[in-house]
PDB file of N, CA and C in Angstrom:
ATOM      1  N   MET A   1     141.245 265.547  27.821  1.00  0.00           N
ATOM      2  CA  MET A   1     140.652 265.650  29.034  1.00  0.00           C
ATOM      3  C   MET A   1     141.509 266.204  30.200  1.00  0.00           C
ATOM      4  N   SER A   2     141.110 267.391  30.772  1.00  0.00           N
ATOM      5  CA  SER A   2     141.917 268.000  31.833  1.00  0.00           C
ATOM      6  C   SER A   2     141.188 267.482  33.153  1.00  0.00           C
ATOM      7  N   TYR A   3     142.090 267.618  34.167  1.00  0.00           N
ATOM      8  CA  TYR A   3     141.890 267.420  35.678  1.00  0.00           C
ATOM      9  C   TYR A   3     140.843 268.328  36.017  1.00  0.00           C
ATOM     10  N   SER A   4     140.759 269.377  35.876  1.00  0.00           N
ATOM     11  CA  SER A   4     139.684 270.071  36.291  1.00  0.00           C
ATOM     12  C   SER A   4     138.507 269.912  35.941  1.00  0.00           C
ATOM     13  N   PHE A   5     138.444 269.731  34.422  1.00  0.00           N
ATOM     14  CA  PHE A   5     136.901 269.289  33.724  1.00  0.00           C
ATOM     15  C   PHE A   5     136.599 268.342  34.377  1.00  0.00           C
ATOM     16  N   ILE A   6     137.444 267.086  34.922  1.00  0.00           N
ATOM     17  CA  ILE A   6     136.778 265.755  35.364  1.00  0.00           C
ATOM     18  C   ILE A   6     136.067 266.186  36.634  1.00  0.00           C
ATOM     19  N   LEU A   7     136.824 267.045  37.530  1.00  0.00           N
ATOM     20  CA  LEU A   7     136.377 267.529  39.057  1.00  0.00           C
ATOM     21  C   LEU A   7     135.049 268.359  38.932  1.00  0.00           C
ATOM     22  N   SER A   8     135.042 269.298  37.721  1.00  0.00           N
ATOM     23  CA  SER A   8     133.500 270.054  37.244  1.00  0.00           C
ATOM     24  C   SER A   8     132.433 268.952  37.245  1.00  0.00           C
ATOM     25  N   CYS A   9     132.826 268.242  36.407  1.00  0.00           N
ATOM     26  CA  CYS A   9     131.900 267.161  35.971  1.00  0.00           C
ATOM     27  C   CYS A   9     131.532 266.203  37.043  1.00  0.00           C
ATOM     28  N   ASN A  10     132.538 265.839  38.136  1.00  0.00           N
ATOM     29  CA  ASN A  10     131.902 265.024  38.914  1.00  0.00           C
ATOM     30  C   ASN A  10     131.074 266.016  39.946  1.00  0.00           C
ATOM     31  N   ALA A  11     131.534 267.330  40.047  1.00  0.00           N
ATOM     32  CA  ALA A  11     130.530 267.702  41.083  1.00  0.00           C
ATOM     33  C   ALA A  11     129.108 267.807  40.552  1.00  0.00           C
ATOM     34  N   PHE A  12     129.022 268.288  39.403  1.00  0.00           N
ATOM     35  CA  PHE A  12     127.913 268.398  38.687  1.00  0.00           C
ATOM     36  C   PHE A  12     127.274 267.067  38.867  1.00  0.00           C
ATOM     37  N   LEU A  13     127.920 265.882  38.828  1.00  0.00           N
ATOM     38  CA  LEU A  13     126.997 264.718  38.852  1.00  0.00           C
ATOM     39  C   LEU A  13     126.635 264.601  40.137  1.00  0.00           C
ATOM     40  N   ARG A  14     127.183 265.004  41.095  1.00  0.00           N
ATOM     41  CA  ARG A  14     127.194 264.977  42.378  1.00  0.00           C
ATOM     42  C   ARG A  14     125.864 265.788  42.963  1.00  0.00           C
ATOM     43  N   LEU A  15     126.025 267.123  42.178  1.00  0.00           N
ATOM     44  CA  LEU A  15     124.486 268.173  42.235  1.00  0.00           C
ATOM     45  C   LEU A  15     123.565 267.346  41.906  1.00  0.00           C
ATOM     46  N   ILE A  16     123.514 267.083  40.744  1.00  0.00           N
ATOM     47  CA  ILE A  16     122.319 266.354  40.251  1.00  0.00           C
ATOM     48  C   ILE A  16     121.603 265.086  40.982  1.00  0.00           C
ATOM     49  N   LEU A  17     122.690 264.271  41.387  1.00  0.00           N
ATOM     50  CA  LEU A  17     122.339 263.173  42.424  1.00  0.00           C
ATOM     51  C   LEU A  17     121.596 263.999  43.601  1.00  0.00           C
ATOM     52  N   LEU A  18     122.163 264.957  44.394  1.00  0.00           N
ATOM     53  CA  LEU A  18     121.836 265.572  45.504  1.00  0.00           C
ATOM     54  C   LEU A  18     120.463 266.029  45.254  1.00  0.00           C
ATOM     55  N   PHE A  19     120.073 266.662  44.092  1.00  0.00           N
ATOM     56  CA  PHE A  19     118.819 266.886  43.982  1.00  0.00           C
ATOM     57  C   PHE A  19     117.984 265.830  43.504  1.00  0.00           C
ATOM     58  N   TYR A  20     118.125 264.973  43.181  1.00  0.00           N
ATOM     59  CA  TYR A  20     117.123 263.799  42.813  1.00  0.00           C
ATOM     60  C   TYR A  20     116.715 263.104  44.157  1.00  0.00           C
ATOM     61  N   SER A  21     117.863 263.055  45.109  1.00  0.00           N
ATOM     62  CA  SER A  21     117.732 262.695  46.393  1.00  0.00           C
ATOM     63  C   SER A  21     116.775 263.307  47.118  1.00  0.00           C
ATOM     64  N   ILE A  22     116.968 264.827  46.984  1.00  0.00           N
ATOM     65  CA  ILE A  22     115.747 265.579  47.704  1.00  0.00           C
ATOM     66  C   ILE A  22     114.587 265.601  47.229  1.00  0.00           C
ATOM     67  N   LYS A  23     114.382 265.650  45.692  1.00  0.00           N
ATOM     68  CA  LYS A  23     113.240 265.473  45.126  1.00  0.00           C
ATOM     69  C   LYS A  23     112.190 264.113  45.694  1.00  0.00           C
ATOM     70  N   THR A  24     113.228 262.955  45.598  1.00  0.00           N
ATOM     71  CA  THR A  24     112.466 261.753  46.281  1.00  0.00           C
ATOM     72  C   THR A  24     112.207 261.619  47.452  1.00  0.00           C
ATOM     73  N   PHE A  25     112.725 262.453  48.238  1.00  0.00           N
ATOM     74  CA  PHE A  25     112.514 262.693  50.060  1.00  0.00           C
ATOM     75  C   PHE A  25     111.095 263.709  50.140  1.00  0.00           C
ATOM     76  N   PHE A  26     111.464 264.585  49.269  1.00  0.00           N
ATOM     77  CA  PHE A  26     109.994 265.505  49.387  1.00  0.00           C
ATOM     78  C   PHE A  26     108.945 264.525  48.947  1.00  0.00           C
ATOM     79  N   LYS A  27     109.016 264.171  47.907  1.00  0.00           N
ATOM     80  CA  LYS A  27     107.641 263.663  47.022  1.00  0.00           C
ATOM     81  C   LYS A  27     107.219 262.451  48.537  1.00  0.00           C
ATOM     82  N   SER A  28     107.791 261.794  48.982  1.00  0.00           N
ATOM     83  CA  SER A  28     107.573 260.584  49.519  1.00  0.00           C
ATOM     84  C   SER A  28     107.011 261.441  50.915  1.00  0.00           C
ATOM     85  N   VAL A  29     107.470 262.375  51.690  1.00  0.00           N
ATOM     86  CA  VAL A  29     106.995 263.114  52.672  1.00  0.00           C
ATOM     87  C   VAL A  29     105.903 263.985  52.099  1.00  0.00           C
ATOM     88  N   PHE A  30     105.336 264.338  50.835  1.00  0.00           N
ATOM     89  CA  PHE A  30     104.390 265.125  50.444  1.00  0.00           C
ATOM     90  C   PHE A  30     103.400 263.916  50.347  1.00  0.00           C
ATOM     91  N   ARG A  31     103.543 262.739  49.865  1.00  0.00           N
ATOM     92  CA  ARG A  31     102.617 261.619  50.184  1.00  0.00           C
ATOM     93  C   ARG A  31     102.271 260.945  51.377  1.00  0.00           C
ATOM     94  N   ALA A  32     102.996 261.312  52.241  1.00  0.00           N
ATOM     95  CA  ALA A  32     102.718 260.696  53.581  1.00  0.00           C
ATOM     96  C   ALA A  32     101.802 261.544  54.485  1.00  0.00           C
ATOM     97  N   ILE A  33     102.088 262.913  54.199  1.00  0.00           N
ATOM     98  CA  ILE A  33     101.339 264.078  54.733  1.00  0.00           C
ATOM     99  C   ILE A  33      99.982 264.040  53.880  1.00  0.00           C
ATOM    100  N   CYS A  34      99.997 263.645  52.875  1.00  0.00           N
ATOM    101  CA  CYS A  34      98.246 263.416  51.784  1.00  0.00           C
ATOM    102  C   CYS A  34      97.771 262.372  52.487  1.00  0.00           C
ATOM    103  N   GLU A  35      98.540 261.547  52.566  1.00  0.00           N
ATOM    104  CA  GLU A  35      97.880 259.980  53.063  1.00  0.00           C
ATOM    105  C   GLU A  35      97.030 260.139  54.661  1.00  0.00           C
ATOM    106  N   SER A  36      98.059 260.841  54.972  1.00  0.00           N
ATOM    107  CA  SER A  36      97.737 261.022  56.686  1.00  0.00           C
ATOM    108  C   SER A  36      96.441 262.177  56.637  1.00  0.00           C
ATOM    109  N   VAL A  37      96.230 263.070  55.770  1.00  0.00           N
ATOM    110  CA  VAL A  37      95.137 263.905  55.634  1.00  0.00           C
ATOM    111  C   VAL A  37      93.827 263.908  55.111  1.00  0.00           C
ATOM    112  N   PHE A  38      94.271 262.734  54.260  1.00  0.00           N
ATOM    113  CA  PHE A  38      92.962 261.704  53.696  1.00  0.00           C
ATOM    114  C   PHE A  38      92.376 261.000  54.706  1.00  0.00           C
ATOM    115  N   CYS A  39      93.299 260.331  55.221  1.00  0.00           N
ATOM    116  CA  CYS A  39      92.806 259.262  56.111  1.00  0.00           C
ATOM    117  C   CYS A  39      91.696 259.753  57.275  1.00  0.00           C
ATOM    118  N   ARG A  40      92.260 261.266  57.781  1.00  0.00           N
ATOM    119  CA  ARG A  40      91.497 261.658  58.593  1.00  0.00           C
ATOM    120  C   ARG A  40      89.990 261.810  58.099  1.00  0.00           C
ATOM    121  N   PHE A  41      89.736 262.425  56.971  1.00  0.00           N
ATOM    122  CA  PHE A  41      88.219 262.777  56.436  1.00  0.00           C
ATOM    123  C   PHE A  41      87.756 261.445  56.068  1.00  0.00           C
TER     124      PHE A  41
END
């Protein structure tokens, strides 16, 4: 196991975590928008 491989794997995991947190954030925002829109009707 080389050091560069560990670095790239770490960066890849960090990218996956970032994508997952952004996805959950947008999902909660979308749910809040939908709830506010449906509460108006």
